[in-house]
Amino acid sequence: MDAAAYLKPNIVLIGMPGVGKSTVGVLLAKRLGFGFIDADIFIQVREGRSLQAIIQAHGAEEFCRIEENHILSLAVDSHIIAPGGSVVYRPKAMAHLKATGVVIHLDIAVQRLKRRLRDVDARGVVIGPGQTIESLYAERRPLYRHYADATVDTDGLTPDHVVGRVLAALDRLTPP
C-alpha cells in the first residue's frame, strides 16, 4: 500500500513497555519510507538524562507532565511515532497524537509481557510503588483500547509479522 493513502500523515504505535513498539516502528518506517521517532529517546535527549533518572528525580506524575510537553512539541508528518507506554495517562498528549496520526495499539498477553519486562526500573517504566506488571497491564490496557483506531495482537509473532498485521489494520482503516 502507498503510505500517502492513509487518512492521517503519521502512524502512532501505543502499548505496554516491552511490546515491541520501537522494533516494529523502525521496520514499519523502512517499509513505508517514513521517519521514525522513539519518544522515550526523544525525551532523554531533550532532557539530557535517562527516563529512570527523570522519574527518580521528579516522580511519576511529573514525569508524565514532562512526557506530555515533549509529545505536544512534536510537529511532524510521514513519521512512525512510538511514544512511551505511559502517554495514555495524558489526554492532551493523546489528542495531539490522534490529530495527526492513526493510532495502532500493539497488544500482548500479560504472561509474555512479564517475561519481557524483568527489570522495570532499568527501563524507566512509570509504575507505582508495589504495583505489579499485572496491575499496570490491567490499568493501561483499557486506555490503549480507548485511544486506538485499531488493535494488533503481537503474541507469538515476529516483528516482521507484526508489521504485516499493522499494514493490514491500516488497509482496513483506509477508505477505498
N, C-alpha and C. Protein backbone atom coordinates (compact mmCIF):
# COMPACT_ATOMS: atom_id res chain seq x y z
N MET A 1 0.84 -1.18 0.00
CA MET A 1 0.00 0.00 0.00
C MET A 1 0.88 1.24 0.00
N ASP A 2 0.40 2.27 -0.64
CA ASP A 2 1.09 3.55 -0.70
C ASP A 2 0.84 4.30 0.60
N ALA A 3 1.91 4.76 1.25
CA ALA A 3 1.79 5.46 2.53
C ALA A 3 0.91 6.69 2.40
N ALA A 4 0.87 7.32 1.24
CA ALA A 4 0.07 8.53 1.07
C ALA A 4 -1.43 8.24 1.15
N ALA A 5 -1.82 6.98 1.06
CA ALA A 5 -3.23 6.62 1.08
C ALA A 5 -3.82 6.64 2.49
N TYR A 6 -2.98 6.70 3.51
CA TYR A 6 -3.51 6.68 4.86
C TYR A 6 -4.24 7.97 5.19
N LEU A 7 -5.20 7.88 6.08
CA LEU A 7 -6.04 9.01 6.43
C LEU A 7 -5.27 10.18 7.03
N LYS A 8 -4.27 9.88 7.80
CA LYS A 8 -3.52 10.91 8.52
C LYS A 8 -2.03 10.72 8.23
N PRO A 9 -1.25 11.79 8.38
CA PRO A 9 0.15 11.72 7.95
C PRO A 9 1.09 10.89 8.82
N ASN A 10 0.72 10.55 10.03
CA ASN A 10 1.59 9.77 10.91
C ASN A 10 0.90 8.49 11.34
N ILE A 11 1.71 7.55 11.81
CA ILE A 11 1.20 6.32 12.41
C ILE A 11 1.80 6.26 13.80
N VAL A 12 0.95 6.11 14.81
CA VAL A 12 1.36 6.12 16.21
C VAL A 12 1.15 4.72 16.77
N LEU A 13 2.21 4.15 17.34
CA LEU A 13 2.14 2.81 17.93
C LEU A 13 2.11 2.95 19.45
N ILE A 14 1.01 2.55 20.06
CA ILE A 14 0.90 2.61 21.52
C ILE A 14 0.84 1.19 22.08
N GLY A 15 1.18 1.07 23.36
CA GLY A 15 1.12 -0.22 24.03
C GLY A 15 2.06 -0.26 25.20
N MET A 16 2.04 -1.37 25.88
CA MET A 16 2.85 -1.56 27.07
C MET A 16 4.34 -1.49 26.74
N PRO A 17 5.16 -1.09 27.72
CA PRO A 17 6.61 -1.19 27.53
C PRO A 17 6.95 -2.65 27.24
N GLY A 18 7.85 -2.87 26.31
CA GLY A 18 8.27 -4.23 26.00
C GLY A 18 7.44 -4.93 24.94
N VAL A 19 6.39 -4.28 24.44
CA VAL A 19 5.55 -4.92 23.44
C VAL A 19 6.20 -4.92 22.06
N GLY A 20 7.16 -4.04 21.84
CA GLY A 20 7.87 -4.00 20.56
C GLY A 20 7.56 -2.79 19.71
N LYS A 21 7.09 -1.72 20.33
CA LYS A 21 6.75 -0.51 19.57
C LYS A 21 7.93 0.03 18.77
N SER A 22 9.10 0.09 19.39
CA SER A 22 10.27 0.62 18.71
C SER A 22 10.77 -0.31 17.61
N THR A 23 10.83 -1.59 17.88
CA THR A 23 11.29 -2.56 16.88
C THR A 23 10.36 -2.56 15.68
N VAL A 24 9.07 -2.66 15.93
CA VAL A 24 8.08 -2.66 14.85
C VAL A 24 8.07 -1.30 14.16
N GLY A 25 8.21 -0.24 14.93
CA GLY A 25 8.19 1.10 14.36
C GLY A 25 9.30 1.33 13.35
N VAL A 26 10.50 0.87 13.67
CA VAL A 26 11.64 1.02 12.74
C VAL A 26 11.36 0.23 11.46
N LEU A 27 10.90 -1.00 11.59
CA LEU A 27 10.62 -1.82 10.41
C LEU A 27 9.50 -1.22 9.57
N LEU A 28 8.47 -0.72 10.23
CA LEU A 28 7.35 -0.09 9.53
C LEU A 28 7.80 1.18 8.81
N ALA A 29 8.64 1.97 9.46
CA ALA A 29 9.17 3.19 8.84
C ALA A 29 9.97 2.85 7.58
N LYS A 30 10.80 1.83 7.66
CA LYS A 30 11.58 1.40 6.49
C LYS A 30 10.65 0.96 5.37
N ARG A 31 9.64 0.20 5.72
CA ARG A 31 8.71 -0.34 4.71
C ARG A 31 7.94 0.76 4.00
N LEU A 32 7.55 1.82 4.75
CA LEU A 32 6.73 2.88 4.18
C LEU A 32 7.53 4.09 3.71
N GLY A 33 8.82 4.11 4.02
CA GLY A 33 9.62 5.29 3.67
C GLY A 33 9.31 6.47 4.57
N PHE A 34 8.94 6.19 5.81
CA PHE A 34 8.62 7.21 6.81
C PHE A 34 9.83 7.44 7.71
N GLY A 35 9.80 8.55 8.46
CA GLY A 35 10.75 8.75 9.54
C GLY A 35 10.27 7.97 10.76
N PHE A 36 11.12 7.89 11.76
CA PHE A 36 10.77 7.17 12.99
C PHE A 36 11.17 7.99 14.20
N ILE A 37 10.25 8.11 15.16
CA ILE A 37 10.55 8.79 16.42
C ILE A 37 10.22 7.86 17.57
N ASP A 38 11.24 7.51 18.35
CA ASP A 38 11.06 6.80 19.61
C ASP A 38 10.95 7.91 20.65
N ALA A 39 9.75 8.13 21.17
CA ALA A 39 9.52 9.27 22.07
C ALA A 39 10.35 9.17 23.34
N ASP A 40 10.62 7.96 23.82
CA ASP A 40 11.46 7.82 25.02
C ASP A 40 12.86 8.37 24.76
N ILE A 41 13.43 8.02 23.61
CA ILE A 41 14.77 8.53 23.27
C ILE A 41 14.71 10.04 23.04
N PHE A 42 13.68 10.49 22.37
CA PHE A 42 13.47 11.93 22.13
C PHE A 42 13.47 12.70 23.45
N ILE A 43 12.74 12.18 24.44
CA ILE A 43 12.68 12.82 25.76
C ILE A 43 14.05 12.78 26.44
N GLN A 44 14.70 11.64 26.42
CA GLN A 44 16.02 11.52 27.06
C GLN A 44 17.02 12.51 26.48
N VAL A 45 17.03 12.64 25.16
CA VAL A 45 17.97 13.57 24.52
C VAL A 45 17.64 15.00 24.90
N ARG A 46 16.36 15.35 24.86
CA ARG A 46 15.98 16.74 25.17
C ARG A 46 16.16 17.07 26.64
N GLU A 47 16.00 16.08 27.51
CA GLU A 47 16.15 16.31 28.96
C GLU A 47 17.60 16.11 29.42
N GLY A 48 18.40 15.44 28.62
CA GLY A 48 19.80 15.22 28.98
C GLY A 48 20.00 14.19 30.08
N ARG A 49 19.06 13.27 30.23
CA ARG A 49 19.18 12.21 31.23
C ARG A 49 18.20 11.09 30.91
N SER A 50 18.40 9.95 31.56
CA SER A 50 17.56 8.78 31.28
C SER A 50 16.15 8.98 31.83
N LEU A 51 15.23 8.19 31.30
CA LEU A 51 13.85 8.23 31.80
C LEU A 51 13.82 7.91 33.28
N GLN A 52 14.57 6.87 33.66
CA GLN A 52 14.58 6.48 35.06
C GLN A 52 15.09 7.60 35.95
N ALA A 53 16.10 8.34 35.50
CA ALA A 53 16.62 9.47 36.28
C ALA A 53 15.57 10.55 36.43
N ILE A 54 14.80 10.79 35.39
CA ILE A 54 13.72 11.78 35.47
C ILE A 54 12.66 11.33 36.46
N ILE A 55 12.26 10.06 36.36
CA ILE A 55 11.24 9.52 37.27
C ILE A 55 11.73 9.57 38.72
N GLN A 56 12.99 9.18 38.95
CA GLN A 56 13.52 9.19 40.31
C GLN A 56 13.62 10.62 40.87
N ALA A 57 13.97 11.56 40.03
CA ALA A 57 14.14 12.94 40.49
C ALA A 57 12.81 13.65 40.71
N HIS A 58 11.81 13.33 39.90
CA HIS A 58 10.57 14.12 39.91
C HIS A 58 9.31 13.34 40.27
N GLY A 59 9.37 12.03 40.22
CA GLY A 59 8.18 11.23 40.47
C GLY A 59 7.41 10.96 39.19
N ALA A 60 6.50 10.00 39.27
CA ALA A 60 5.76 9.54 38.09
C ALA A 60 4.87 10.63 37.50
N GLU A 61 4.15 11.35 38.35
CA GLU A 61 3.22 12.37 37.84
C GLU A 61 3.95 13.48 37.10
N GLU A 62 5.05 13.94 37.66
CA GLU A 62 5.82 14.99 36.98
C GLU A 62 6.46 14.45 35.71
N PHE A 63 6.92 13.20 35.74
CA PHE A 63 7.45 12.60 34.51
C PHE A 63 6.39 12.62 33.41
N CYS A 64 5.16 12.24 33.76
CA CYS A 64 4.08 12.22 32.76
C CYS A 64 3.81 13.62 32.21
N ARG A 65 3.94 14.64 33.05
CA ARG A 65 3.77 16.02 32.57
C ARG A 65 4.91 16.38 31.60
N ILE A 66 6.12 16.01 31.95
CA ILE A 66 7.28 16.26 31.07
C ILE A 66 7.10 15.52 29.75
N GLU A 67 6.69 14.26 29.83
CA GLU A 67 6.44 13.47 28.63
C GLU A 67 5.38 14.15 27.76
N GLU A 68 4.31 14.59 28.39
CA GLU A 68 3.23 15.27 27.65
C GLU A 68 3.75 16.51 26.92
N ASN A 69 4.55 17.32 27.60
CA ASN A 69 5.09 18.52 26.96
C ASN A 69 5.93 18.19 25.74
N HIS A 70 6.73 17.14 25.83
CA HIS A 70 7.55 16.75 24.68
C HIS A 70 6.68 16.20 23.54
N ILE A 71 5.66 15.44 23.87
CA ILE A 71 4.75 14.93 22.84
C ILE A 71 4.03 16.10 22.16
N LEU A 72 3.59 17.08 22.95
CA LEU A 72 2.90 18.24 22.37
C LEU A 72 3.81 19.06 21.47
N SER A 73 5.11 18.94 21.65
CA SER A 73 6.05 19.70 20.81
C SER A 73 6.30 19.03 19.46
N LEU A 74 5.85 17.78 19.29
CA LEU A 74 6.07 17.09 18.03
C LEU A 74 5.21 17.70 16.94
N ALA A 75 5.83 18.06 15.84
CA ALA A 75 5.12 18.60 14.67
C ALA A 75 5.76 17.98 13.43
N VAL A 76 5.37 16.74 13.12
CA VAL A 76 5.97 16.01 12.02
C VAL A 76 4.88 15.38 11.16
N ASP A 77 5.25 15.08 9.93
CA ASP A 77 4.40 14.31 9.03
C ASP A 77 5.22 13.14 8.51
N SER A 78 4.54 12.12 8.04
CA SER A 78 5.18 10.94 7.46
C SER A 78 6.17 10.31 8.43
N HIS A 79 5.71 10.12 9.66
CA HIS A 79 6.53 9.50 10.70
C HIS A 79 5.76 8.37 11.38
N ILE A 80 6.52 7.39 11.81
CA ILE A 80 6.02 6.41 12.76
C ILE A 80 6.45 6.95 14.12
N ILE A 81 5.52 7.08 15.04
CA ILE A 81 5.83 7.61 16.36
C ILE A 81 5.54 6.50 17.38
N ALA A 82 6.54 6.22 18.22
CA ALA A 82 6.39 5.21 19.27
C ALA A 82 6.54 5.91 20.61
N PRO A 83 5.42 6.38 21.18
CA PRO A 83 5.50 7.04 22.49
C PRO A 83 5.69 6.02 23.60
N GLY A 84 6.09 6.50 24.76
CA GLY A 84 6.20 5.63 25.92
C GLY A 84 4.84 5.09 26.31
N GLY A 85 4.85 3.98 27.02
CA GLY A 85 3.59 3.34 27.41
C GLY A 85 2.71 4.18 28.31
N SER A 86 3.29 5.15 29.01
CA SER A 86 2.51 5.97 29.94
C SER A 86 1.82 7.15 29.27
N VAL A 87 2.02 7.36 27.98
CA VAL A 87 1.43 8.51 27.30
C VAL A 87 -0.09 8.52 27.41
N VAL A 88 -0.71 7.35 27.56
CA VAL A 88 -2.17 7.27 27.62
C VAL A 88 -2.75 7.87 28.91
N TYR A 89 -1.90 8.21 29.86
CA TYR A 89 -2.37 8.88 31.07
C TYR A 89 -2.63 10.37 30.83
N ARG A 90 -2.20 10.90 29.71
CA ARG A 90 -2.31 12.33 29.43
C ARG A 90 -3.21 12.57 28.22
N PRO A 91 -4.49 12.89 28.44
CA PRO A 91 -5.44 13.09 27.34
C PRO A 91 -5.00 14.13 26.31
N LYS A 92 -4.35 15.20 26.75
CA LYS A 92 -3.92 16.21 25.78
C LYS A 92 -2.84 15.65 24.86
N ALA A 93 -1.94 14.86 25.39
CA ALA A 93 -0.90 14.25 24.57
C ALA A 93 -1.53 13.29 23.56
N MET A 94 -2.48 12.49 24.01
CA MET A 94 -3.13 11.55 23.10
C MET A 94 -3.97 12.28 22.05
N ALA A 95 -4.62 13.36 22.42
CA ALA A 95 -5.39 14.14 21.44
C ALA A 95 -4.45 14.69 20.36
N HIS A 96 -3.28 15.15 20.77
CA HIS A 96 -2.29 15.67 19.82
C HIS A 96 -1.83 14.56 18.86
N LEU A 97 -1.52 13.39 19.40
CA LEU A 97 -1.08 12.28 18.56
C LEU A 97 -2.19 11.83 17.60
N LYS A 98 -3.42 11.76 18.10
CA LYS A 98 -4.54 11.33 17.27
C LYS A 98 -4.89 12.36 16.20
N ALA A 99 -4.63 13.64 16.45
CA ALA A 99 -4.97 14.68 15.49
C ALA A 99 -4.20 14.52 14.18
N THR A 100 -2.99 14.00 14.25
CA THR A 100 -2.18 13.86 13.04
C THR A 100 -1.75 12.42 12.79
N GLY A 101 -2.30 11.48 13.52
CA GLY A 101 -1.85 10.11 13.35
C GLY A 101 -2.94 9.08 13.52
N VAL A 102 -2.79 7.99 12.81
CA VAL A 102 -3.61 6.81 13.01
C VAL A 102 -2.96 6.08 14.18
N VAL A 103 -3.75 5.75 15.20
CA VAL A 103 -3.21 5.14 16.42
C VAL A 103 -3.46 3.64 16.41
N ILE A 104 -2.37 2.89 16.47
CA ILE A 104 -2.43 1.43 16.48
C ILE A 104 -1.93 0.93 17.83
N HIS A 105 -2.76 0.16 18.50
CA HIS A 105 -2.39 -0.44 19.78
C HIS A 105 -1.76 -1.80 19.52
N LEU A 106 -0.52 -1.96 19.94
CA LEU A 106 0.13 -3.27 19.88
C LEU A 106 -0.13 -3.97 21.21
N ASP A 107 -0.87 -5.05 21.16
CA ASP A 107 -1.28 -5.76 22.36
C ASP A 107 -0.42 -7.00 22.56
N ILE A 108 -0.36 -7.44 23.79
CA ILE A 108 0.45 -8.61 24.17
C ILE A 108 -0.20 -9.25 25.39
N ALA A 109 -0.08 -10.56 25.51
CA ALA A 109 -0.59 -11.25 26.69
C ALA A 109 0.29 -10.89 27.89
N VAL A 110 -0.34 -10.76 29.04
CA VAL A 110 0.38 -10.32 30.23
C VAL A 110 1.50 -11.28 30.62
N GLN A 111 1.33 -12.57 30.42
CA GLN A 111 2.38 -13.53 30.78
C GLN A 111 3.62 -13.34 29.91
N ARG A 112 3.43 -13.10 28.62
CA ARG A 112 4.56 -12.84 27.72
C ARG A 112 5.22 -11.52 28.11
N LEU A 113 4.41 -10.53 28.46
CA LEU A 113 4.92 -9.22 28.87
C LEU A 113 5.80 -9.34 30.11
N LYS A 114 5.37 -10.14 31.06
CA LYS A 114 6.15 -10.33 32.29
C LYS A 114 7.53 -10.91 31.99
N ARG A 115 7.61 -11.79 31.01
CA ARG A 115 8.91 -12.35 30.63
C ARG A 115 9.81 -11.29 30.00
N ARG A 116 9.21 -10.34 29.29
CA ARG A 116 10.00 -9.29 28.62
C ARG A 116 10.39 -8.16 29.57
N LEU A 117 9.58 -7.92 30.58
CA LEU A 117 9.82 -6.79 31.49
C LEU A 117 10.36 -7.27 32.83
N ARG A 118 11.51 -7.81 32.82
CA ARG A 118 12.09 -8.33 34.06
C ARG A 118 12.63 -7.21 34.95
N ASP A 119 13.09 -6.11 34.38
CA ASP A 119 13.67 -5.03 35.18
C ASP A 119 13.02 -3.70 34.79
N VAL A 120 11.85 -3.43 35.36
CA VAL A 120 11.11 -2.22 35.01
C VAL A 120 11.85 -0.95 35.42
N ASP A 121 12.64 -1.01 36.49
CA ASP A 121 13.37 0.17 36.92
C ASP A 121 14.39 0.60 35.88
N ALA A 122 15.09 -0.33 35.31
CA ALA A 122 16.12 -0.01 34.32
C ALA A 122 15.51 0.56 33.04
N ARG A 123 14.26 0.20 32.76
CA ARG A 123 13.61 0.65 31.53
C ARG A 123 12.97 2.02 31.67
N GLY A 124 12.83 2.53 32.89
CA GLY A 124 12.16 3.81 33.06
C GLY A 124 10.66 3.70 32.89
N VAL A 125 10.07 2.65 33.44
CA VAL A 125 8.64 2.43 33.35
C VAL A 125 7.93 3.19 34.48
N VAL A 126 6.86 3.91 34.11
CA VAL A 126 6.05 4.59 35.12
C VAL A 126 5.17 3.53 35.77
N ILE A 127 5.53 3.17 36.99
CA ILE A 127 4.81 2.14 37.74
C ILE A 127 4.81 2.55 39.20
N GLY A 128 3.67 2.39 39.85
CA GLY A 128 3.54 2.80 41.24
C GLY A 128 4.31 1.90 42.19
N PRO A 129 4.66 2.41 43.36
CA PRO A 129 5.36 1.60 44.36
C PRO A 129 4.53 0.36 44.70
N GLY A 130 5.15 -0.79 44.59
CA GLY A 130 4.46 -2.04 44.90
C GLY A 130 3.51 -2.52 43.82
N GLN A 131 3.35 -1.75 42.76
CA GLN A 131 2.45 -2.16 41.67
C GLN A 131 3.10 -3.29 40.88
N THR A 132 2.30 -4.25 40.46
CA THR A 132 2.78 -5.38 39.68
C THR A 132 2.59 -5.11 38.19
N ILE A 133 3.28 -5.90 37.39
CA ILE A 133 3.10 -5.82 35.94
C ILE A 133 1.64 -6.12 35.60
N GLU A 134 1.06 -7.10 36.29
CA GLU A 134 -0.34 -7.47 36.03
C GLU A 134 -1.29 -6.29 36.30
N SER A 135 -1.09 -5.59 37.41
CA SER A 135 -1.99 -4.49 37.73
C SER A 135 -1.75 -3.30 36.80
N LEU A 136 -0.49 -3.06 36.40
CA LEU A 136 -0.20 -2.00 35.44
C LEU A 136 -0.86 -2.31 34.11
N TYR A 137 -0.76 -3.54 33.67
CA TYR A 137 -1.38 -4.01 32.43
C TYR A 137 -2.90 -3.80 32.49
N ALA A 138 -3.50 -4.22 33.61
CA ALA A 138 -4.95 -4.09 33.76
C ALA A 138 -5.38 -2.62 33.78
N GLU A 139 -4.55 -1.76 34.31
CA GLU A 139 -4.85 -0.32 34.37
C GLU A 139 -4.73 0.32 32.99
N ARG A 140 -3.69 -0.03 32.24
CA ARG A 140 -3.42 0.64 30.97
C ARG A 140 -4.17 0.06 29.77
N ARG A 141 -4.40 -1.22 29.76
CA ARG A 141 -4.98 -1.86 28.57
C ARG A 141 -6.29 -1.20 28.12
N PRO A 142 -7.22 -0.88 29.02
CA PRO A 142 -8.44 -0.20 28.57
C PRO A 142 -8.15 1.19 27.97
N LEU A 143 -7.13 1.86 28.48
CA LEU A 143 -6.77 3.17 27.93
C LEU A 143 -6.21 3.03 26.52
N TYR A 144 -5.36 2.04 26.30
CA TYR A 144 -4.83 1.80 24.95
C TYR A 144 -5.98 1.53 23.98
N ARG A 145 -6.90 0.68 24.40
CA ARG A 145 -8.03 0.33 23.52
C ARG A 145 -8.93 1.54 23.27
N HIS A 146 -9.07 2.39 24.27
CA HIS A 146 -9.89 3.59 24.12
C HIS A 146 -9.33 4.52 23.04
N TYR A 147 -8.04 4.73 23.05
CA TYR A 147 -7.42 5.67 22.12
C TYR A 147 -7.11 5.06 20.74
N ALA A 148 -7.06 3.75 20.63
CA ALA A 148 -6.63 3.11 19.40
C ALA A 148 -7.69 3.16 18.31
N ASP A 149 -7.22 3.36 17.09
CA ASP A 149 -8.07 3.21 15.92
C ASP A 149 -8.16 1.73 15.54
N ALA A 150 -7.15 0.96 15.92
CA ALA A 150 -7.12 -0.49 15.70
C ALA A 150 -6.17 -1.12 16.71
N THR A 151 -6.41 -2.38 17.04
CA THR A 151 -5.54 -3.13 17.94
C THR A 151 -4.96 -4.31 17.16
N VAL A 152 -3.66 -4.52 17.33
CA VAL A 152 -2.96 -5.63 16.68
C VAL A 152 -2.39 -6.52 17.77
N ASP A 153 -2.77 -7.79 17.75
CA ASP A 153 -2.24 -8.77 18.70
C ASP A 153 -0.85 -9.18 18.23
N THR A 154 0.14 -9.08 19.11
CA THR A 154 1.53 -9.40 18.76
C THR A 154 1.98 -10.75 19.28
N ASP A 155 1.14 -11.44 20.03
CA ASP A 155 1.56 -12.68 20.69
C ASP A 155 2.09 -13.73 19.73
N GLY A 156 3.32 -14.18 20.00
CA GLY A 156 3.93 -15.24 19.25
C GLY A 156 4.36 -14.86 17.84
N LEU A 157 4.30 -13.58 17.51
CA LEU A 157 4.66 -13.14 16.17
C LEU A 157 6.05 -12.51 16.13
N THR A 158 6.72 -12.66 15.01
CA THR A 158 7.99 -11.96 14.81
C THR A 158 7.67 -10.49 14.52
N PRO A 159 8.63 -9.60 14.71
CA PRO A 159 8.40 -8.20 14.36
C PRO A 159 7.92 -8.01 12.92
N ASP A 160 8.46 -8.77 11.97
CA ASP A 160 8.02 -8.66 10.58
C ASP A 160 6.55 -9.04 10.43
N HIS A 161 6.11 -10.07 11.15
CA HIS A 161 4.69 -10.45 11.08
C HIS A 161 3.81 -9.37 11.71
N VAL A 162 4.28 -8.76 12.77
CA VAL A 162 3.51 -7.67 13.39
C VAL A 162 3.38 -6.51 12.40
N VAL A 163 4.46 -6.19 11.70
CA VAL A 163 4.39 -5.14 10.67
C VAL A 163 3.31 -5.48 9.65
N GLY A 164 3.27 -6.71 9.21
CA GLY A 164 2.24 -7.14 8.27
C GLY A 164 0.84 -6.94 8.82
N ARG A 165 0.66 -7.26 10.09
CA ARG A 165 -0.66 -7.07 10.71
C ARG A 165 -1.00 -5.59 10.87
N VAL A 166 0.00 -4.76 11.16
CA VAL A 166 -0.24 -3.32 11.26
C VAL A 166 -0.66 -2.79 9.89
N LEU A 167 0.04 -3.20 8.84
CA LEU A 167 -0.31 -2.74 7.49
C LEU A 167 -1.72 -3.20 7.11
N ALA A 168 -2.08 -4.42 7.48
CA ALA A 168 -3.44 -4.91 7.21
C ALA A 168 -4.47 -4.08 7.96
N ALA A 169 -4.17 -3.75 9.22
CA ALA A 169 -5.09 -2.91 10.00
C ALA A 169 -5.24 -1.53 9.36
N LEU A 170 -4.14 -0.97 8.89
CA LEU A 170 -4.19 0.33 8.23
C LEU A 170 -5.00 0.26 6.95
N ASP A 171 -4.88 -0.84 6.21
CA ASP A 171 -5.68 -1.02 5.00
C ASP A 171 -7.18 -1.02 5.33
N ARG A 172 -7.53 -1.68 6.44
CA ARG A 172 -8.93 -1.74 6.84
C ARG A 172 -9.46 -0.36 7.24
N LEU A 173 -8.57 0.49 7.74
CA LEU A 173 -8.98 1.83 8.19
C LEU A 173 -9.04 2.84 7.05
N THR A 174 -8.44 2.51 5.92
CA THR A 174 -8.36 3.44 4.80
C THR A 174 -9.57 3.26 3.89
N PRO A 175 -10.28 4.34 3.61
CA PRO A 175 -11.44 4.21 2.71
C PRO A 175 -10.99 3.85 1.28
N PRO A 176 -11.86 3.15 0.56
CA PRO A 176 -11.49 2.75 -0.81
C PRO A 176 -11.27 3.94 -1.73
